[in-house]
Amino acid sequence: MTSWKSTRRLWDISQVLRPGLPVWPGDTSFGFDRTWKMEDGSPVNVGRMTMSTHSGTHADAPLHYAAEGLDAAGMALDPYIGTCLVVDARGVRGAVDVADLPHIDSVDRVLFRTWDAFPHDRWRSDWLPIAPETIEWLALQGVKLIGTDAPSVDPQESKTMAAHKAVLEHDMRILEGLVLDDVPEGRYELIALPLKVTGGDAGLCRAVLRELT
């Protein structure tokens, strides 16, 4: 029998979608219920979900921060697959600045770990944002995707969305809500494909990192 087990280690960096999942204050809570039940005589179980497009681990579509931006269905997949650098930014205060970055050399994707332990059970508004100047600098280095374990690259109270606008200016992509607790700093292969949602301002992802050969 053929075994499909990968010889390269995988890290699942996705949140678990479930009732009680913390969401942005005022946004749609995650809900799940069973609409068809085998115990009621149905030949199959079928469930129904209600959720925000920004539930759990997701990729922001440009439409989220630009009225005429691409929706989730229109985004190319290339930015979401390939070599990435995981940066441990837990010692940073205020915002991730250029001076906080390690040496960036030939990498297209950068993921930031900011939490000591990801807050799975409660909403926290004190996350570490990424300075717009840092995004500008990363874009100049050829980075096309920025990921974070925080809910946003901007602070919760931001009205200007300066970091998002820097991403938009350089046609970069954003992953938010990653779970990087068990991932050592270093290089990996990222696979995080957003759902193809027409009109979607974000696409939920099953995001994984794979050990490089």
Protein backbone atom coordinates (compact mmCIF):
# COMPACT_ATOMS: atom_id res chain seq x y z
CA MET A 1 0.00 0.00 0.00
CA THR A 2 1.31 3.47 -0.91
CA SER A 3 1.89 5.80 2.05
CA TRP A 4 1.05 9.48 1.54
CA LYS A 5 2.83 10.64 4.67
CA SER A 6 5.16 13.53 3.84
CA THR A 7 8.84 13.14 4.65
CA ARG A 8 8.97 16.86 5.39
CA ARG A 9 7.54 18.17 8.65
CA LEU A 10 4.33 20.20 8.51
CA TRP A 11 3.18 22.91 10.92
CA ASP A 12 -0.54 23.71 10.87
CA ILE A 13 -0.65 27.46 11.57
CA SER A 14 -4.44 27.84 11.30
CA GLN A 15 -6.97 28.62 13.98
CA VAL A 16 -9.75 26.12 14.67
CA LEU A 17 -13.14 27.45 13.55
CA ARG A 18 -15.60 26.86 16.37
CA PRO A 19 -18.36 28.51 18.42
CA GLY A 20 -16.72 30.92 20.83
CA LEU A 21 -13.96 31.84 18.38
CA PRO A 22 -12.82 35.38 19.30
CA VAL A 23 -13.75 37.89 16.58
CA TRP A 24 -13.23 41.60 16.06
CA PRO A 25 -15.60 43.47 18.42
CA GLY A 26 -18.94 43.96 16.70
CA ASP A 27 -18.20 41.47 13.90
CA THR A 28 -20.22 38.30 13.22
CA SER A 29 -19.68 35.49 15.70
CA PHE A 30 -18.89 32.04 14.39
CA GLY A 31 -21.83 29.66 14.50
CA PHE A 32 -22.33 26.05 13.49
CA ASP A 33 -25.40 23.85 13.62
CA ARG A 34 -26.43 20.53 12.11
CA THR A 35 -29.21 20.90 9.52
CA TRP A 36 -29.39 17.24 8.39
CA LYS A 37 -28.80 14.57 11.01
CA MET A 38 -28.24 10.85 10.63
CA GLU A 39 -29.91 10.28 14.00
CA ASP A 40 -33.07 11.84 12.52
CA GLY A 41 -33.07 9.46 9.55
CA SER A 42 -30.96 11.39 7.07
CA PRO A 43 -28.40 9.25 5.17
CA VAL A 44 -25.77 11.94 5.83
CA ASN A 45 -24.85 14.68 8.27
CA VAL A 46 -24.84 18.24 6.86
CA GLY A 47 -23.96 21.38 8.77
CA ARG A 48 -24.48 25.11 8.36
CA MET A 49 -22.00 27.83 9.30
CA THR A 50 -22.41 31.54 9.91
CA MET A 51 -19.25 33.62 10.21
CA SER A 52 -17.36 36.74 9.29
CA THR A 53 -15.10 36.64 6.25
CA HIS A 54 -12.37 37.55 8.76
CA SER A 55 -12.97 34.62 11.09
CA GLY A 56 -9.84 32.85 12.28
CA THR A 57 -6.91 32.58 9.87
CA HIS A 58 -7.60 34.51 6.68
CA ALA A 59 -6.17 36.43 3.75
CA ASP A 60 -7.31 40.02 3.39
CA ALA A 61 -8.46 40.83 -0.12
CA PRO A 62 -7.62 44.32 -1.45
CA LEU A 63 -11.40 44.95 -1.43
CA HIS A 64 -11.19 44.98 2.37
CA TYR A 65 -9.27 48.28 2.36
CA ALA A 66 -9.87 49.66 -1.16
CA ALA A 67 -13.35 50.24 -2.58
CA GLU A 68 -12.28 49.16 -6.07
CA GLY A 69 -9.83 46.47 -4.93
CA LEU A 70 -9.81 42.84 -5.97
CA ASP A 71 -12.19 40.49 -4.21
CA ALA A 72 -11.12 37.16 -2.76
CA ALA A 73 -12.11 35.31 -5.92
CA GLY A 74 -9.92 37.55 -8.07
CA MET A 75 -6.67 37.17 -6.15
CA ALA A 76 -3.81 35.25 -7.77
CA LEU A 77 -2.57 32.29 -5.74
CA ASP A 78 1.17 32.79 -6.30
CA PRO A 79 1.75 35.03 -3.24
CA TYR A 80 0.29 32.36 -0.95
CA ILE A 81 2.58 29.49 -1.97
CA GLY A 82 6.36 29.47 -1.66
CA THR A 83 9.34 30.13 0.56
CA CYS A 84 8.76 32.37 3.57
CA LEU A 85 10.69 33.69 6.54
CA VAL A 86 9.21 33.45 10.04
CA VAL A 87 10.40 36.33 12.23
CA ASP A 88 10.14 36.18 16.03
CA ALA A 89 9.11 39.73 17.03
CA ARG A 90 8.01 38.98 20.58
CA GLY A 91 10.58 41.32 22.12
CA VAL A 92 9.43 44.32 20.08
CA ARG A 93 7.44 47.15 21.69
CA GLY A 94 5.06 49.59 20.02
CA ALA A 95 5.22 48.39 16.41
CA VAL A 96 7.54 46.31 14.24
CA ASP A 97 10.06 48.77 12.80
CA VAL A 98 12.72 48.23 10.15
CA ALA A 99 15.39 48.09 12.86
CA ASP A 100 13.59 45.08 14.38
CA LEU A 101 13.96 42.97 11.25
CA PRO A 102 16.61 40.31 10.75
CA HIS A 103 18.65 40.19 7.55
CA ILE A 104 16.21 39.80 4.65
CA ASP A 105 17.79 37.98 1.73
CA SER A 106 15.88 36.67 -1.28
CA VAL A 107 12.57 36.04 0.46
CA ASP A 108 9.14 36.80 -0.99
CA ARG A 109 7.06 36.26 2.15
CA VAL A 110 7.57 37.29 5.78
CA LEU A 111 5.48 36.05 8.72
CA PHE A 112 5.66 37.72 12.14
CA ARG A 113 5.21 35.94 15.45
CA THR A 114 4.19 38.51 18.06
CA TRP A 115 2.30 36.59 20.79
CA ASP A 116 4.07 34.57 23.49
CA ALA A 117 1.02 32.31 23.33
CA PHE A 118 -1.77 32.78 20.80
CA PRO A 119 -5.00 33.97 22.56
CA HIS A 120 -7.36 31.23 21.36
CA ASP A 121 -10.06 31.84 23.98
CA ARG A 122 -10.38 35.61 24.27
CA TRP A 123 -10.09 38.74 22.17
CA ARG A 124 -7.03 40.86 22.87
CA SER A 125 -6.63 44.36 21.47
CA ASP A 126 -3.01 44.85 22.59
CA TRP A 127 -1.38 43.14 19.61
CA LEU A 128 1.83 44.30 17.94
CA PRO A 129 1.11 46.13 14.65
CA ILE A 130 3.54 46.55 11.77
CA ALA A 131 4.77 50.06 11.02
CA PRO A 132 3.89 51.34 7.52
CA GLU A 133 7.56 52.21 6.99
CA THR A 134 8.43 48.56 7.62
CA ILE A 135 5.98 47.45 4.95
CA GLU A 136 7.46 50.02 2.55
CA TRP A 137 10.95 48.70 3.24
CA LEU A 138 9.92 45.06 2.84
CA ALA A 139 8.27 45.90 -0.49
CA LEU A 140 11.55 47.40 -1.69
CA GLN A 141 13.24 44.08 -0.82
CA GLY A 142 10.79 42.23 -3.06
CA VAL A 143 8.48 40.90 -0.35
CA LYS A 144 4.98 40.32 -1.75
CA LEU A 145 3.18 38.86 1.28
CA ILE A 146 3.18 39.81 4.96
CA GLY A 147 1.67 37.53 7.58
CA THR A 148 1.04 38.04 11.28
CA ASP A 149 -0.39 36.13 14.20
CA ALA A 150 -2.23 39.34 15.16
CA PRO A 151 -5.77 40.15 13.94
CA SER A 152 -4.45 43.06 11.84
CA VAL A 153 -1.27 44.72 10.62
CA ASP A 154 -2.73 47.99 11.97
CA PRO A 155 -3.70 48.76 15.58
CA GLN A 156 -7.31 48.06 16.53
CA GLU A 157 -8.05 51.76 17.05
CA SER A 158 -6.53 52.87 13.71
CA LYS A 159 -8.74 55.04 11.50
CA THR A 160 -6.13 55.71 8.82
CA MET A 161 -5.26 52.05 8.09
CA ALA A 162 -1.76 53.23 7.20
CA ALA A 163 -0.19 49.75 7.14
CA HIS A 164 -2.97 48.40 4.92
CA LYS A 165 -2.55 51.37 2.60
CA ALA A 166 1.18 50.68 2.33
CA VAL A 167 0.33 47.10 1.36
CA LEU A 168 -2.14 48.38 -1.22
CA GLU A 169 0.37 50.81 -2.73
CA HIS A 170 2.79 47.96 -3.43
CA ASP A 171 0.14 45.36 -4.42
CA MET A 172 1.22 43.08 -1.59
CA ARG A 173 -0.95 40.53 0.22
CA ILE A 174 -1.77 40.01 3.90
CA LEU A 175 -2.35 36.93 6.05
CA GLU A 176 -3.79 37.53 9.53
CA GLY A 177 -4.60 35.38 12.54
CA LEU A 178 -1.78 32.86 12.05
CA VAL A 179 -0.84 30.54 14.91
CA LEU A 180 2.96 30.48 15.15
CA ASP A 181 3.48 29.33 18.75
CA ASP A 182 5.34 26.14 17.83
CA VAL A 183 7.27 27.47 14.82
CA PRO A 184 10.95 28.34 15.31
CA GLU A 185 12.26 31.43 13.54
CA GLY A 186 13.57 30.53 10.09
CA ARG A 187 12.64 29.65 6.52
CA TYR A 188 9.79 27.40 5.42
CA GLU A 189 7.48 26.70 2.54
CA LEU A 190 4.15 28.48 3.02
CA ILE A 191 0.89 27.04 1.68
CA ALA A 192 -2.12 29.20 2.60
CA LEU A 193 -4.78 29.27 -0.11
CA PRO A 194 -7.71 31.68 0.46
CA LEU A 195 -11.23 30.57 -0.36
CA LYS A 196 -12.47 31.76 -3.76
CA VAL A 197 -15.37 33.99 -2.67
CA THR A 198 -16.99 36.30 -5.20
CA GLY A 199 -17.31 39.72 -3.58
CA GLY A 200 -15.32 38.49 -0.60
CA ASP A 201 -13.25 41.05 1.31
CA ALA A 202 -11.22 38.16 2.73
CA GLY A 203 -10.76 34.46 2.18
CA LEU A 204 -10.49 31.96 5.02
CA CYS A 205 -7.33 29.81 4.83
CA ARG A 206 -6.05 26.45 6.01
CA ALA A 207 -2.49 27.68 6.38
CA VAL A 208 0.48 25.36 6.78
CA LEU A 209 4.26 25.62 6.82
CA ARG A 210 6.36 22.82 5.38
CA GLU A 211 9.95 22.07 6.17
CA LEU A 212 12.30 22.97 3.33
CA THR A 213 14.37 20.27 1.68
